[in-house]
């Protein structure tokens, strides 16, 4: 096994913070989307948590992009096949793009449904759209498609981790620990 260089500490911390946010954002999004609570006040609190964490994710992705420019990832193992490098790179780019776009699409959908956003019920964010049900339906559908894509990309990412840990045994996971 060849020694593997690690990501910068800031990159590792930002990665795991994003993981923690997603571990709340995704289940809450599923909860409000498929198991809508009957209690209206509770439902609105869930929406606020989901949307507020989405705003934090948006900001976190911006920080991660700057951090990635300042701290490029360590090189992949030289014996890693080209197709695997391409798949990993494409997965990372797709995750960054979707984690950047999804909060914006969700925010715009919320506005188009006629609901203002106040981050954790403290910081109001001005609505760029007025209420428009037709636009709201399209944006909500795009948000759902993006959510499914993010989950699939995360599963592919985790499959890569399993491959590197249990099949290739190349120590690549240590880069992010």
Protein backbone atom coordinates (compact mmCIF):
# COMPACT_ATOMS: atom_id res chain seq x y z
CA UNK A 1 0.00 0.00 0.00
CA UNK A 2 1.44 3.34 -1.04
CA UNK A 3 1.31 6.25 1.41
CA UNK A 4 -1.61 8.59 0.77
CA UNK A 5 -1.39 12.33 1.37
CA UNK A 6 -4.31 13.95 3.15
CA UNK A 7 -6.59 16.83 2.34
CA UNK A 8 -5.89 20.07 4.19
CA UNK A 9 -7.45 20.18 7.65
CA UNK A 10 -9.85 22.92 6.51
CA UNK A 11 -11.00 20.74 3.61
CA UNK A 12 -11.61 17.79 5.92
CA UNK A 13 -13.58 19.87 8.42
CA UNK A 14 -15.69 21.49 5.70
CA UNK A 15 -16.39 18.09 4.13
CA UNK A 16 -17.61 16.57 7.39
CA UNK A 17 -19.65 19.66 8.22
CA UNK A 18 -21.40 19.25 4.85
CA UNK A 19 -22.02 15.58 5.68
CA UNK A 20 -23.60 16.56 9.01
CA UNK A 21 -25.82 19.14 7.36
CA UNK A 22 -26.95 16.62 4.74
CA UNK A 23 -27.72 14.09 7.47
CA UNK A 24 -30.38 16.54 8.67
CA UNK A 25 -31.43 18.27 5.43
CA UNK A 26 -32.22 15.07 3.51
CA UNK A 27 -34.32 13.28 6.17
CA UNK A 28 -36.24 16.48 7.00
CA UNK A 29 -36.85 17.06 3.28
CA UNK A 30 -38.15 13.50 2.90
CA UNK A 31 -40.29 13.92 6.01
CA UNK A 32 -42.01 17.09 4.81
CA UNK A 33 -42.27 15.85 1.23
CA UNK A 34 -43.68 12.40 1.78
CA UNK A 35 -44.95 12.27 5.37
CA UNK A 36 -46.42 15.73 5.67
CA UNK A 37 -47.28 16.41 9.32
CA UNK A 38 -50.92 17.21 10.09
CA UNK A 39 -49.90 19.85 12.66
CA UNK A 40 -49.46 23.01 10.58
CA UNK A 41 -47.16 24.76 13.10
CA UNK A 42 -44.87 21.72 13.30
CA UNK A 43 -44.83 21.41 9.50
CA UNK A 44 -43.78 25.08 9.19
CA UNK A 45 -40.97 24.51 11.74
CA UNK A 46 -39.73 21.54 9.69
CA UNK A 47 -39.81 23.63 6.51
CA UNK A 48 -37.90 26.40 8.28
CA UNK A 49 -35.24 23.98 9.53
CA UNK A 50 -34.87 22.42 6.05
CA UNK A 51 -34.72 25.80 4.30
CA UNK A 52 -32.44 27.40 6.89
CA UNK A 53 -29.98 24.51 6.71
CA UNK A 54 -30.19 24.81 2.92
CA UNK A 55 -29.04 28.43 3.21
CA UNK A 56 -26.16 27.27 5.43
CA UNK A 57 -25.29 24.57 2.86
CA UNK A 58 -25.25 27.19 0.10
CA UNK A 59 -22.82 29.32 2.11
CA UNK A 60 -20.76 26.28 3.04
CA UNK A 61 -20.41 25.28 -0.62
CA UNK A 62 -19.15 28.77 -1.45
CA UNK A 63 -16.57 28.46 1.35
CA UNK A 64 -15.63 24.97 0.14
CA UNK A 65 -15.08 26.20 -3.41
CA UNK A 66 -12.75 28.97 -2.19
CA UNK A 67 -11.03 26.51 0.16
CA UNK A 68 -10.56 24.01 -2.68
CA UNK A 69 -8.88 26.69 -4.79
CA UNK A 70 -6.58 27.57 -1.89
CA UNK A 71 -5.98 23.92 -0.89
CA UNK A 72 -6.10 21.66 -3.95
CA UNK A 73 -6.89 18.00 -3.30
CA UNK A 74 -3.94 15.66 -2.90
CA UNK A 75 -3.12 13.55 -5.94
CA UNK A 76 -4.92 10.28 -6.46
CA UNK A 77 -2.86 7.07 -6.35
CA UNK A 78 -0.88 6.58 -9.56
CA UNK A 79 -2.21 3.04 -9.97
CA UNK A 80 -5.84 4.19 -9.97
CA UNK A 81 -7.46 3.46 -13.37
CA UNK A 82 -8.33 6.42 -15.57
CA UNK A 83 -12.04 5.59 -15.67
CA UNK A 84 -12.11 5.59 -11.88
CA UNK A 85 -10.37 8.97 -11.73
CA UNK A 86 -12.87 10.37 -14.22
CA UNK A 87 -15.84 8.94 -12.31
CA UNK A 88 -14.56 10.35 -9.00
CA UNK A 89 -13.92 13.77 -10.55
CA UNK A 90 -17.35 13.86 -12.24
CA UNK A 91 -19.05 12.81 -8.99
CA UNK A 92 -17.33 15.56 -7.02
CA UNK A 93 -18.17 18.23 -9.59
CA UNK A 94 -21.80 17.09 -9.78
CA UNK A 95 -22.10 17.15 -5.98
CA UNK A 96 -20.64 20.65 -5.76
CA UNK A 97 -22.94 21.92 -8.53
CA UNK A 98 -26.08 20.38 -7.05
CA UNK A 99 -25.25 21.39 -3.48
CA UNK A 100 -24.84 24.93 -4.81
CA UNK A 101 -27.99 24.97 -6.97
CA UNK A 102 -30.41 23.08 -4.73
CA UNK A 103 -30.68 25.73 -2.00
CA UNK A 104 -31.33 28.39 -4.66
CA UNK A 105 -33.99 26.30 -6.38
CA UNK A 106 -35.62 25.46 -3.05
CA UNK A 107 -35.55 29.12 -1.98
CA UNK A 108 -37.13 30.23 -5.25
CA UNK A 109 -39.75 27.47 -5.02
CA UNK A 110 -40.63 28.59 -1.49
CA UNK A 111 -41.01 32.18 -2.73
CA UNK A 112 -43.10 31.11 -5.71
CA UNK A 113 -45.45 29.21 -3.39
CA UNK A 114 -45.90 32.51 -1.56
CA UNK A 115 -43.85 31.81 1.56
CA UNK A 116 -41.10 34.15 2.73
CA UNK A 117 -37.87 32.70 4.11
CA UNK A 118 -36.49 33.74 7.44
CA UNK A 119 -33.33 31.82 8.34
CA UNK A 120 -34.06 30.10 11.66
CA UNK A 121 -36.92 32.60 12.03
CA UNK A 122 -34.33 35.32 12.70
CA UNK A 123 -32.85 36.58 9.42
CA UNK A 124 -35.43 37.40 6.73
CA UNK A 125 -34.29 36.94 3.14
CA UNK A 126 -36.08 39.11 0.58
CA UNK A 127 -38.20 37.22 -1.94
CA UNK A 128 -37.05 37.73 -5.53
CA UNK A 129 -40.22 36.09 -6.88
CA UNK A 130 -43.84 36.82 -6.25
CA UNK A 131 -46.38 34.08 -5.73
CA UNK A 132 -46.73 32.08 -8.95
CA UNK A 133 -48.09 28.55 -8.68
CA UNK A 134 -47.00 27.53 -12.18
CA UNK A 135 -43.37 28.51 -11.51
CA UNK A 136 -43.60 26.99 -8.01
CA UNK A 137 -44.60 23.60 -9.45
CA UNK A 138 -41.68 23.61 -11.90
CA UNK A 139 -39.17 24.69 -9.25
CA UNK A 140 -40.50 22.13 -6.76
CA UNK A 141 -40.16 19.39 -9.39
CA UNK A 142 -36.59 20.51 -10.15
CA UNK A 143 -35.84 20.52 -6.41
CA UNK A 144 -37.17 16.96 -6.12
CA UNK A 145 -35.12 15.82 -9.14
CA UNK A 146 -32.03 17.48 -7.68
CA UNK A 147 -32.62 15.81 -4.32
CA UNK A 148 -32.85 12.40 -5.98
CA UNK A 149 -29.68 13.15 -7.95
CA UNK A 150 -27.83 14.20 -4.78
CA UNK A 151 -28.84 10.99 -3.00
CA UNK A 152 -27.68 8.93 -6.00
CA UNK A 153 -24.38 10.82 -6.15
CA UNK A 154 -23.85 10.29 -2.42
CA UNK A 155 -24.53 6.57 -2.86
CA UNK A 156 -22.01 6.45 -5.71
CA UNK A 157 -19.53 8.35 -3.52
CA UNK A 158 -20.07 5.83 -0.71
CA UNK A 159 -19.69 2.95 -3.17
CA UNK A 160 -16.32 4.43 -4.10
CA UNK A 161 -15.36 4.56 -0.43
CA UNK A 162 -16.35 0.90 0.01
CA UNK A 163 -14.35 -0.01 -3.09
CA UNK A 164 -11.23 1.79 -1.85
CA UNK A 165 -11.49 0.44 1.70
CA UNK A 166 -12.50 -3.19 1.13
CA UNK A 167 -11.55 -4.06 -2.46
CA UNK A 168 -8.58 -1.92 -3.51
CA UNK A 169 -7.38 -1.41 0.08
CA UNK A 170 -5.39 1.58 -1.08
CA UNK A 171 -5.86 3.77 2.00
CA UNK A 172 -7.62 6.50 0.02
CA UNK A 173 -10.19 7.06 2.78
CA UNK A 174 -7.41 8.33 5.07
CA UNK A 175 -7.17 11.42 2.86
CA UNK A 176 -10.44 12.70 4.38
CA UNK A 177 -10.03 11.45 7.96
